């Protein structure tokens, strides 16, 4: 977003909402699960790539 102006006033107020300890724990759990899922998918992709390099038949490079 771009805001262009020569005449504006910015007011910053104190935070009016905070997560409860239970909400923070749930958020941390979700973040950890997201990272675990990402790392698993990354590892799977690396393994597939390595298998393709070892087995040219999987790449369609087989010569008859």
N, C-alpha and C. Protein backbone atom coordinates (compact mmCIF):
# COMPACT_ATOMS: atom_id res chain seq x y z
N UNK A 1 0.85 -1.16 0.00
CA UNK A 1 0.00 0.00 0.00
C UNK A 1 0.90 1.23 0.00
N UNK A 2 0.52 2.22 -0.76
CA UNK A 2 1.26 3.47 -0.81
C UNK A 2 0.31 4.59 -0.41
N UNK A 3 0.76 5.39 0.53
CA UNK A 3 -0.02 6.56 0.94
C UNK A 3 0.83 7.78 0.64
N UNK A 4 0.31 8.63 -0.22
CA UNK A 4 1.03 9.85 -0.57
C UNK A 4 0.26 11.03 -0.01
N UNK A 5 0.96 11.84 0.77
CA UNK A 5 0.33 13.01 1.35
C UNK A 5 1.41 13.92 1.88
N UNK A 6 1.12 15.20 1.88
CA UNK A 6 2.03 16.16 2.47
C UNK A 6 1.49 16.65 3.80
N UNK A 7 0.25 16.27 4.10
CA UNK A 7 -0.39 16.80 5.30
C UNK A 7 -1.17 15.69 6.00
N UNK A 8 -0.53 15.01 6.91
CA UNK A 8 -1.22 14.00 7.69
C UNK A 8 -0.62 13.95 9.09
N UNK A 9 -1.39 13.41 10.01
CA UNK A 9 -0.92 13.27 11.38
C UNK A 9 -1.00 11.79 11.75
N UNK A 10 0.04 11.28 12.35
CA UNK A 10 0.09 9.88 12.74
C UNK A 10 0.01 9.79 14.25
N UNK A 11 -0.93 9.01 14.73
CA UNK A 11 -1.07 8.79 16.16
C UNK A 11 -0.88 7.31 16.44
N UNK A 12 -0.01 6.99 17.38
CA UNK A 12 0.22 5.60 17.76
C UNK A 12 -0.31 5.42 19.17
N UNK A 13 -1.22 4.48 19.30
CA UNK A 13 -1.82 4.24 20.61
C UNK A 13 -1.26 2.96 21.20
N UNK A 14 -1.49 2.78 22.47
CA UNK A 14 -1.07 1.55 23.15
C UNK A 14 -1.88 0.38 22.61
N UNK A 15 -1.27 -0.79 22.64
CA UNK A 15 -1.97 -2.00 22.17
C UNK A 15 -3.22 -2.22 23.02
N UNK A 16 -4.31 -2.52 22.35
CA UNK A 16 -5.56 -2.73 23.08
C UNK A 16 -5.94 -4.19 23.19
N UNK A 17 -5.19 -5.05 22.51
CA UNK A 17 -5.52 -6.47 22.52
C UNK A 17 -4.24 -7.27 22.65
N UNK A 18 -4.28 -8.28 23.44
CA UNK A 18 -3.15 -9.19 23.60
C UNK A 18 -3.70 -10.61 23.60
N UNK A 19 -2.86 -11.54 23.13
CA UNK A 19 -3.25 -12.95 23.16
C UNK A 19 -3.23 -13.43 24.60
N UNK A 20 -4.16 -14.31 24.89
CA UNK A 20 -4.12 -14.97 26.19
C UNK A 20 -3.00 -16.00 26.16
N UNK A 21 -2.55 -16.47 27.30
CA UNK A 21 -1.52 -17.52 27.29
C UNK A 21 -1.95 -18.75 26.47
N UNK A 22 -3.22 -19.11 26.54
CA UNK A 22 -3.71 -20.26 25.76
C UNK A 22 -3.65 -19.97 24.26
N UNK A 23 -4.02 -18.75 23.86
CA UNK A 23 -3.95 -18.38 22.45
C UNK A 23 -2.50 -18.35 21.96
N UNK A 24 -1.61 -17.84 22.79
CA UNK A 24 -0.19 -17.79 22.43
C UNK A 24 0.37 -19.20 22.28
N UNK A 25 -0.01 -20.10 23.18
CA UNK A 25 0.45 -21.49 23.10
C UNK A 25 -0.07 -22.14 21.82
N UNK A 26 -1.33 -21.89 21.48
CA UNK A 26 -1.91 -22.45 20.25
C UNK A 26 -1.20 -21.89 19.02
N UNK A 27 -0.89 -20.59 19.03
CA UNK A 27 -0.19 -19.97 17.91
C UNK A 27 1.20 -20.58 17.77
N UNK A 28 1.89 -20.77 18.88
CA UNK A 28 3.22 -21.37 18.84
C UNK A 28 3.15 -22.80 18.31
N UNK A 29 2.13 -23.54 18.72
CA UNK A 29 1.96 -24.92 18.25
C UNK A 29 1.72 -24.94 16.74
N UNK A 30 0.87 -24.04 16.26
CA UNK A 30 0.59 -23.97 14.83
C UNK A 30 1.83 -23.57 14.04
N UNK A 31 2.61 -22.63 14.57
CA UNK A 31 3.83 -22.20 13.89
C UNK A 31 4.84 -23.35 13.81
N UNK A 32 4.97 -24.10 14.90
CA UNK A 32 5.89 -25.24 14.90
C UNK A 32 5.42 -26.31 13.92
N UNK A 33 4.13 -26.58 13.88
CA UNK A 33 3.60 -27.57 12.95
C UNK A 33 3.82 -27.13 11.51
N UNK A 34 3.62 -25.83 11.25
CA UNK A 34 3.86 -25.31 9.91
C UNK A 34 5.31 -25.47 9.50
N UNK A 35 6.23 -25.20 10.41
CA UNK A 35 7.66 -25.36 10.10
C UNK A 35 7.99 -26.83 9.88
N UNK A 36 7.45 -27.71 10.71
CA UNK A 36 7.68 -29.15 10.54
C UNK A 36 7.17 -29.63 9.18
N UNK A 37 5.98 -29.19 8.80
CA UNK A 37 5.42 -29.57 7.50
C UNK A 37 6.31 -29.06 6.35
N UNK A 38 6.76 -27.82 6.46
CA UNK A 38 7.62 -27.25 5.44
C UNK A 38 8.92 -28.04 5.31
N UNK A 39 9.54 -28.34 6.45
CA UNK A 39 10.81 -29.06 6.42
C UNK A 39 10.62 -30.48 5.86
N UNK A 40 9.51 -31.13 6.18
CA UNK A 40 9.23 -32.46 5.63
C UNK A 40 9.08 -32.38 4.12
N UNK A 41 8.32 -31.39 3.65
CA UNK A 41 8.12 -31.25 2.21
C UNK A 41 9.43 -30.90 1.51
N UNK A 42 10.25 -30.07 2.13
CA UNK A 42 11.54 -29.73 1.55
C UNK A 42 12.43 -30.97 1.48
N UNK A 43 12.47 -31.74 2.55
CA UNK A 43 13.27 -32.97 2.56
C UNK A 43 12.81 -33.94 1.50
N UNK A 44 11.48 -34.08 1.35
CA UNK A 44 10.94 -34.97 0.32
C UNK A 44 11.36 -34.51 -1.07
N UNK A 45 11.30 -33.20 -1.30
CA UNK A 45 11.68 -32.67 -2.62
C UNK A 45 13.17 -32.90 -2.90
N UNK A 46 14.00 -32.72 -1.89
CA UNK A 46 15.44 -32.96 -2.07
C UNK A 46 15.69 -34.43 -2.38
N UNK A 47 15.02 -35.32 -1.65
CA UNK A 47 15.18 -36.76 -1.91
C UNK A 47 14.75 -37.13 -3.32
N UNK A 48 13.64 -36.58 -3.78
CA UNK A 48 13.17 -36.86 -5.15
C UNK A 48 14.19 -36.38 -6.16
N UNK A 49 14.73 -35.19 -5.94
CA UNK A 49 15.73 -34.63 -6.85
C UNK A 49 16.98 -35.52 -6.88
N UNK A 50 17.41 -35.98 -5.72
CA UNK A 50 18.60 -36.83 -5.66
C UNK A 50 18.35 -38.16 -6.36
N UNK A 51 17.16 -38.72 -6.20
CA UNK A 51 16.84 -39.98 -6.88
C UNK A 51 16.84 -39.80 -8.40
N UNK A 52 16.33 -38.67 -8.87
CA UNK A 52 16.31 -38.40 -10.31
C UNK A 52 17.73 -38.33 -10.86
N UNK A 53 18.64 -37.75 -10.12
CA UNK A 53 20.03 -37.65 -10.57
C UNK A 53 20.69 -39.02 -10.63
N UNK A 54 20.31 -39.92 -9.71
CA UNK A 54 20.90 -41.25 -9.68
C UNK A 54 20.30 -42.18 -10.71
N UNK A 55 19.03 -41.96 -11.08
CA UNK A 55 18.33 -42.86 -11.99
C UNK A 55 17.86 -42.07 -13.21
N UNK A 56 18.64 -42.05 -14.29
CA UNK A 56 18.27 -41.26 -15.48
C UNK A 56 16.95 -41.71 -16.10
N UNK A 57 16.51 -42.94 -15.85
CA UNK A 57 15.24 -43.42 -16.41
C UNK A 57 14.07 -42.58 -15.90
N UNK A 58 14.17 -42.09 -14.67
CA UNK A 58 13.09 -41.28 -14.11
C UNK A 58 12.99 -39.92 -14.78
N UNK A 59 14.08 -39.48 -15.41
CA UNK A 59 14.06 -38.18 -16.09
C UNK A 59 13.63 -38.31 -17.53
N UNK A 60 13.49 -39.52 -18.02
CA UNK A 60 13.14 -39.70 -19.42
C UNK A 60 14.36 -39.66 -20.30
N UNK A 61 15.56 -39.84 -19.74
CA UNK A 61 16.80 -39.79 -20.52
C UNK A 61 17.24 -41.16 -21.00
N UNK A 62 16.39 -42.17 -20.84
CA UNK A 62 16.76 -43.52 -21.20
C UNK A 62 16.96 -43.61 -22.71
N UNK A 63 18.04 -44.22 -23.11
CA UNK A 63 18.33 -44.40 -24.52
C UNK A 63 18.21 -45.87 -24.86
N UNK A 64 17.46 -46.18 -25.90
CA UNK A 64 17.28 -47.58 -26.33
C UNK A 64 18.30 -47.99 -27.32
